[in-house]
Amino acid sequence: MKYYMLSFVGTALIIIIGFVLLVAIFVIGIFNGLVGLRNRVKNAYAQIDVQLKRRYDLIPNLVETAKGYMKHESETLEAVIQARNQAVSAASAASKDPTSAGAIQELAGADGALTGALGKLMVVMEAYPDLKASANMLQVQEELTSTENRVAFSRQAYNDAVLVYNNKREMFPSNIVAGVFGFKFAQSWELDDEAARDAPKVRF
């Protein structure tokens, strides 16, 4: 009787240990999957960051070129520089944690404000034909247009990565693992301002 009892206990322990191991392997698989998707979000943001930095570097060149022709438009030019500086600051904060909803929202807002300021500058430039014909302005315009297209493409890739990550994070049973290990909701890049949905019109 004692032998059968020990045999039963041993079998039960093996079953319990096997079950625990299976659960552990299952949890590890989900955890690793979430880590991989979160890293894809970070990598996708890194691609945006590269293009944004290029965009922000081009804007001072645009303003300096315009200054020589638009001596009475200092307020418009200063608004562009101020918006650019705010966007640079927001991008720096977002690059530290691309999965931070607050940081991405702030960056999207700052970048939208910059797009609006650039749009106003382009409208004002229409009154300066010499500026429109400037070789320097034509070069900056071409580079800025190309960069805006790359930003839009990178932003879409980022939003796609965020969608996949958030879906995985919210679905059962991975939502349990995500909650236990602190996988945060990732904010997609949303453009609230309709005017900011299009790249600034820099073609003359």
Protein backbone atom coordinates (compact mmCIF):
# COMPACT_ATOMS: atom_id res chain seq x y z
CA MET A 1 0.00 0.00 0.00
CA LYS A 2 2.81 2.31 0.93
CA TYR A 3 4.54 1.54 -2.38
CA TYR A 4 1.43 2.43 -4.38
CA MET A 5 1.04 5.64 -2.37
CA LEU A 6 4.61 6.69 -3.11
CA SER A 7 4.12 5.78 -6.77
CA PHE A 8 0.97 7.90 -6.94
CA VAL A 9 2.68 10.86 -5.27
CA GLY A 10 5.66 10.53 -7.62
CA THR A 11 3.41 10.43 -10.66
CA ALA A 12 1.44 13.46 -9.43
CA LEU A 13 4.68 15.39 -8.88
CA ILE A 14 5.88 14.56 -12.38
CA ILE A 15 2.56 15.72 -13.83
CA ILE A 16 2.67 18.96 -11.81
CA ILE A 17 6.28 19.66 -12.76
CA GLY A 18 5.51 18.93 -16.41
CA PHE A 19 2.52 21.28 -16.33
CA VAL A 20 4.59 24.04 -14.71
CA LEU A 21 7.29 23.61 -17.34
CA LEU A 22 4.74 23.80 -20.14
CA VAL A 23 3.24 26.98 -18.67
CA ALA A 24 6.73 28.47 -18.25
CA ILE A 25 7.63 27.68 -21.87
CA PHE A 26 4.32 29.16 -23.02
CA VAL A 27 4.86 32.36 -21.01
CA ILE A 28 8.45 32.69 -22.22
CA GLY A 29 7.27 32.33 -25.81
CA ILE A 30 4.68 35.10 -25.39
CA PHE A 31 7.18 37.31 -23.53
CA ASN A 32 9.79 36.94 -26.26
CA GLY A 33 7.18 37.66 -28.91
CA LEU A 34 6.17 40.88 -27.16
CA VAL A 35 9.80 41.93 -26.80
CA GLY A 36 10.35 41.34 -30.51
CA LEU A 37 7.31 43.40 -31.48
CA ARG A 38 8.23 46.20 -29.08
CA ASN A 39 11.72 46.29 -30.62
CA ARG A 40 10.12 46.56 -34.06
CA VAL A 41 8.25 49.64 -32.84
CA LYS A 42 11.50 51.16 -31.56
CA ASN A 43 13.28 50.37 -34.82
CA ALA A 44 10.44 51.87 -36.85
CA TYR A 45 10.62 55.04 -34.76
CA ALA A 46 14.39 55.18 -35.32
CA GLN A 47 13.69 55.41 -39.06
CA ILE A 48 11.34 58.35 -38.45
CA ASP A 49 13.93 59.97 -36.20
CA VAL A 50 16.57 59.90 -38.95
CA GLN A 51 14.25 61.62 -41.41
CA LEU A 52 12.99 64.15 -38.85
CA LYS A 53 16.54 65.17 -37.98
CA ARG A 54 17.26 65.70 -41.66
CA ARG A 55 14.10 67.77 -41.96
CA TYR A 56 14.96 69.87 -38.91
CA ASP A 57 18.48 70.45 -40.27
CA LEU A 58 17.09 71.70 -43.58
CA ILE A 59 14.73 74.27 -42.08
CA PRO A 60 17.42 76.74 -40.88
CA ASN A 61 18.82 76.69 -44.44
CA LEU A 62 15.35 77.44 -45.77
CA VAL A 63 14.89 80.35 -43.35
CA GLU A 64 18.38 81.78 -43.99
CA THR A 65 17.79 81.70 -47.73
CA ALA A 66 14.41 83.39 -47.31
CA LYS A 67 15.79 86.08 -44.99
CA GLY A 68 17.74 87.71 -47.79
CA TYR A 69 14.54 88.33 -49.72
CA MET A 70 11.90 88.63 -46.99
CA LYS A 71 13.25 91.42 -44.79
CA HIS A 72 9.76 92.46 -43.70
CA GLU A 73 8.57 88.97 -42.80
CA SER A 74 10.62 88.45 -39.65
CA GLU A 75 7.59 87.35 -37.62
CA THR A 76 6.78 84.54 -40.07
CA LEU A 77 10.41 83.39 -40.15
CA GLU A 78 10.71 83.46 -36.36
CA ALA A 79 7.53 81.40 -36.05
CA VAL A 80 9.09 78.69 -38.24
CA ILE A 81 12.31 78.63 -36.19
CA GLN A 82 10.37 78.51 -32.91
CA ALA A 83 8.18 75.65 -34.16
CA ARG A 84 11.27 73.86 -35.42
CA ASN A 85 13.02 74.15 -32.03
CA GLN A 86 9.95 72.81 -30.21
CA ALA A 87 9.77 69.88 -32.61
CA VAL A 88 13.48 69.12 -32.10
CA SER A 89 12.94 69.06 -28.32
CA ALA A 90 9.89 66.79 -28.64
CA ALA A 91 11.76 64.44 -30.99
CA SER A 92 14.63 64.19 -28.52
CA ALA A 93 12.23 63.21 -25.73
CA ALA A 94 10.43 60.66 -27.93
CA SER A 95 13.67 59.01 -29.03
CA LYS A 96 14.38 58.03 -25.42
CA ASP A 97 11.22 55.89 -25.31
CA PRO A 98 9.30 55.53 -28.59
CA THR A 99 6.65 53.43 -26.83
CA SER A 100 5.73 56.34 -24.52
CA ALA A 101 2.25 57.49 -25.51
CA GLY A 102 2.75 60.97 -24.07
CA ALA A 103 6.06 61.55 -25.85
CA ILE A 104 4.71 60.46 -29.24
CA GLN A 105 1.59 62.61 -28.84
CA GLU A 106 3.73 65.62 -27.96
CA LEU A 107 6.00 65.00 -30.94
CA ALA A 108 3.06 64.60 -33.32
CA GLY A 109 1.61 67.88 -32.05
CA ALA A 110 4.92 69.75 -32.31
CA ASP A 111 5.62 68.39 -35.76
CA GLY A 112 2.12 69.31 -36.87
CA ALA A 113 2.68 72.87 -35.62
CA LEU A 114 5.94 73.00 -37.58
CA THR A 115 4.15 71.80 -40.71
CA GLY A 116 1.58 74.56 -40.24
CA ALA A 117 4.28 77.22 -39.80
CA LEU A 118 6.08 76.00 -42.93
CA GLY A 119 2.82 76.10 -44.87
CA LYS A 120 2.29 79.75 -43.90
CA LEU A 121 5.86 80.56 -44.93
CA MET A 122 5.31 78.97 -48.33
CA VAL A 123 2.19 81.09 -48.86
CA VAL A 124 4.11 84.28 -48.01
CA MET A 125 6.93 83.27 -50.37
CA GLU A 126 4.52 83.43 -53.29
CA ALA A 127 4.87 87.23 -53.18
CA TYR A 128 8.65 87.02 -53.76
CA PRO A 129 9.38 85.85 -57.32
CA ASP A 130 13.14 86.43 -56.96
CA LEU A 131 13.18 84.11 -53.96
CA LYS A 132 11.23 81.47 -55.86
CA ALA A 133 13.84 81.57 -58.62
CA SER A 134 16.82 81.41 -56.25
CA ALA A 135 19.12 78.44 -56.90
CA ASN A 136 19.61 77.96 -53.15
CA MET A 137 15.87 77.96 -52.52
CA LEU A 138 15.26 75.50 -55.34
CA GLN A 139 17.84 73.12 -53.86
CA VAL A 140 16.46 73.38 -50.32
CA GLN A 141 12.93 72.97 -51.67
CA GLU A 142 13.88 69.78 -53.50
CA GLU A 143 15.63 68.30 -50.44
CA LEU A 144 12.77 69.24 -48.13
CA THR A 145 10.15 67.72 -50.42
CA SER A 146 12.13 64.48 -50.64
CA THR A 147 12.54 64.40 -46.86
CA GLU A 148 8.83 65.04 -46.26
CA ASN A 149 8.00 62.04 -48.44
CA ARG A 150 10.41 59.88 -46.46
CA VAL A 151 8.93 61.09 -43.17
CA ALA A 152 5.44 60.14 -44.36
CA PHE A 153 6.62 56.68 -45.44
CA SER A 154 8.49 56.09 -42.15
CA ARG A 155 5.50 57.28 -40.15
CA GLN A 156 3.25 54.74 -41.86
CA ALA A 157 5.75 51.95 -41.18
CA TYR A 158 5.87 53.03 -37.53
CA ASN A 159 2.08 53.00 -37.23
CA ASP A 160 1.96 49.52 -38.77
CA ALA A 161 4.49 48.24 -36.21
CA VAL A 162 2.54 49.87 -33.38
CA LEU A 163 -0.71 48.24 -34.54
CA VAL A 164 0.82 44.75 -34.57
CA TYR A 165 2.43 45.27 -31.15
CA ASN A 166 -0.73 46.67 -29.55
CA ASN A 167 -2.87 43.86 -30.98
CA LYS A 168 -0.54 41.25 -29.52
CA ARG A 169 -0.41 43.11 -26.21
CA GLU A 170 -4.22 43.27 -25.90
CA MET A 171 -5.17 39.77 -27.05
CA PHE A 172 -5.71 36.88 -24.63
CA PRO A 173 -3.62 35.27 -23.20
CA SER A 174 -0.71 37.56 -24.14
CA ASN A 175 -2.48 40.45 -22.41
CA ILE A 176 -1.89 38.69 -19.08
CA VAL A 177 1.82 38.36 -19.76
CA ALA A 178 1.94 41.97 -20.99
CA GLY A 179 0.29 43.18 -17.79
CA VAL A 180 2.56 41.17 -15.50
CA PHE A 181 5.76 42.30 -17.23
CA GLY A 182 4.76 45.90 -17.86
CA PHE A 183 4.47 46.06 -21.64
CA LYS A 184 2.98 49.52 -22.16
CA PHE A 185 0.51 50.65 -24.80
CA ALA A 186 2.34 52.21 -27.76
CA GLN A 187 0.89 55.38 -29.27
CA SER A 188 0.49 55.56 -33.03
CA TRP A 189 1.43 58.78 -34.81
CA GLU A 190 -1.89 60.53 -35.34
CA LEU A 191 -2.30 63.83 -37.16
CA ASP A 192 -5.12 65.75 -35.51
CA ASP A 193 -4.73 68.86 -37.64
CA GLU A 194 -6.17 68.28 -41.11
CA ALA A 195 -3.74 70.85 -42.51
CA ALA A 196 -0.86 68.79 -41.16
CA ARG A 197 -1.95 65.68 -43.03
CA ASP A 198 -0.24 66.93 -46.16
CA ALA A 199 3.43 67.77 -46.44
CA PRO A 200 4.14 71.51 -46.82
CA LYS A 201 3.80 72.67 -50.39
CA VAL A 202 7.34 73.71 -51.23
CA ARG A 203 7.03 73.63 -55.00
CA PHE A 204 6.81 77.00 -56.70
